[in-house]
């Protein structure tokens, strides 16, 4: 069983390449072919570089979890949930303020 299908043999590739190089119907075909090969090579090179020297975490990743006493009351749980909700609401309000600031700046520019 052949590795390549019948029309994709190396000799067919060389014949197509020879016909492309010797054919004189388009004056800019070499520039286009060089650009196509260059862009493809750039993508492959980028994937190789990223896979070898990509951003990897350094050291161990530590995750902290809160530890609550087992005998805490429902009132303590509700109070903690309210405090956590106030923190989330404050963070959301700050994020909205930042986005509003960007929106105001974009509106002044006419976007």
Protein backbone atom coordinates (compact mmCIF):
# COMPACT_ATOMS: atom_id res chain seq x y z
CA UNK A 1 0.00 0.00 0.00
CA UNK A 2 1.41 3.35 -1.03
CA UNK A 3 1.85 6.12 1.51
CA UNK A 4 0.76 8.83 -0.93
CA UNK A 5 -2.27 8.58 -3.22
CA UNK A 6 -1.64 8.06 -6.91
CA UNK A 7 -1.68 11.71 -8.14
CA UNK A 8 0.45 12.91 -5.20
CA UNK A 9 3.63 11.01 -5.96
CA UNK A 10 6.98 12.83 -5.71
CA UNK A 11 7.47 12.60 -9.47
CA UNK A 12 4.09 14.27 -10.05
CA UNK A 13 5.06 16.99 -7.59
CA UNK A 14 8.37 17.59 -9.39
CA UNK A 15 6.58 17.68 -12.75
CA UNK A 16 4.10 20.26 -11.41
CA UNK A 17 6.92 22.32 -9.91
CA UNK A 18 8.87 22.24 -13.17
CA UNK A 19 5.76 23.31 -15.13
CA UNK A 20 5.17 26.13 -12.67
CA UNK A 21 8.72 27.46 -12.87
CA UNK A 22 9.11 27.18 -16.64
CA UNK A 23 5.63 28.43 -17.55
CA UNK A 24 5.65 32.14 -18.38
CA UNK A 25 1.97 33.03 -18.21
CA UNK A 26 2.02 35.12 -14.98
CA UNK A 27 4.88 37.54 -14.24
CA UNK A 28 4.28 37.71 -10.46
CA UNK A 29 3.77 34.02 -9.72
CA UNK A 30 7.20 33.59 -8.11
CA UNK A 31 6.45 36.46 -5.71
CA UNK A 32 3.09 34.90 -4.85
CA UNK A 33 4.58 31.45 -4.39
CA UNK A 34 7.36 32.85 -2.19
CA UNK A 35 4.81 34.72 -0.09
CA UNK A 36 2.62 31.62 0.30
CA UNK A 37 5.57 29.44 1.30
CA UNK A 38 6.89 32.14 3.64
CA UNK A 39 3.60 32.61 5.47
CA UNK A 40 3.19 28.85 5.87
CA UNK A 41 6.76 28.53 7.16
CA UNK A 42 6.16 31.41 9.58
CA UNK A 43 3.09 29.66 11.03
CA UNK A 44 4.94 26.37 11.41
CA UNK A 45 7.94 28.14 12.97
CA UNK A 46 5.63 29.94 15.39
CA UNK A 47 4.00 26.70 16.50
CA UNK A 48 7.40 25.06 17.01
CA UNK A 49 8.72 28.00 19.04
CA UNK A 50 5.56 28.18 21.15
CA UNK A 51 5.57 24.46 21.85
CA UNK A 52 9.20 24.43 22.95
CA UNK A 53 9.53 27.76 24.76
CA UNK A 54 5.94 28.70 25.51
CA UNK A 55 4.82 30.27 28.74
CA UNK A 56 4.92 27.61 31.42
CA UNK A 57 4.17 28.08 35.09
CA UNK A 58 7.25 28.24 37.26
CA UNK A 59 7.25 26.13 40.38
CA UNK A 60 4.26 24.68 42.13
CA UNK A 61 0.78 26.12 41.83
CA UNK A 62 -0.72 26.78 45.28
CA UNK A 63 -4.47 27.02 45.74
CA UNK A 64 -5.80 28.34 49.03
CA UNK A 65 -9.20 27.41 50.42
CA UNK A 66 -10.99 28.89 53.40
CA UNK A 67 -11.37 26.63 56.39
CA UNK A 68 -14.51 27.13 58.44
CA UNK A 69 -15.28 25.61 61.81
CA UNK A 70 -17.73 22.72 61.64
CA UNK A 71 -19.90 24.14 64.43
CA UNK A 72 -20.63 27.58 62.98
CA UNK A 73 -24.20 28.79 63.11
CA UNK A 74 -26.55 29.68 60.28
CA UNK A 75 -26.29 33.33 61.28
CA UNK A 76 -22.51 33.21 60.82
CA UNK A 77 -22.95 31.60 57.41
CA UNK A 78 -25.46 34.27 56.33
CA UNK A 79 -23.18 37.04 57.60
CA UNK A 80 -20.20 35.59 55.70
CA UNK A 81 -22.29 35.26 52.52
CA UNK A 82 -23.43 38.90 52.83
CA UNK A 83 -19.83 40.07 53.30
CA UNK A 84 -18.71 38.03 50.28
CA UNK A 85 -21.59 39.42 48.20
CA UNK A 86 -20.61 43.00 49.14
CA UNK A 87 -17.05 42.27 47.93
CA UNK A 88 -18.36 40.83 44.63
CA UNK A 89 -20.70 43.81 44.15
CA UNK A 90 -17.85 46.27 44.80
CA UNK A 91 -15.61 44.49 42.30
CA UNK A 92 -18.41 44.46 39.72
CA UNK A 93 -19.11 48.16 40.28
CA UNK A 94 -15.40 48.97 39.83
CA UNK A 95 -15.29 46.96 36.60
CA UNK A 96 -18.39 48.74 35.31
CA UNK A 97 -16.80 52.09 36.20
CA UNK A 98 -13.67 51.17 34.24
CA UNK A 99 -15.71 50.12 31.21
CA UNK A 100 -17.78 53.30 31.44
CA UNK A 101 -14.56 55.32 31.46
CA UNK A 102 -13.41 53.55 28.29
CA UNK A 103 -16.84 54.05 26.72
CA UNK A 104 -16.76 57.77 27.52
CA UNK A 105 -13.29 58.11 26.01
CA UNK A 106 -14.39 56.25 22.85
CA UNK A 107 -17.50 58.44 22.59
CA UNK A 108 -15.34 61.57 22.68
CA UNK A 109 -13.31 60.16 19.78
CA UNK A 110 -16.47 59.51 17.76
CA UNK A 111 -16.66 55.72 17.95
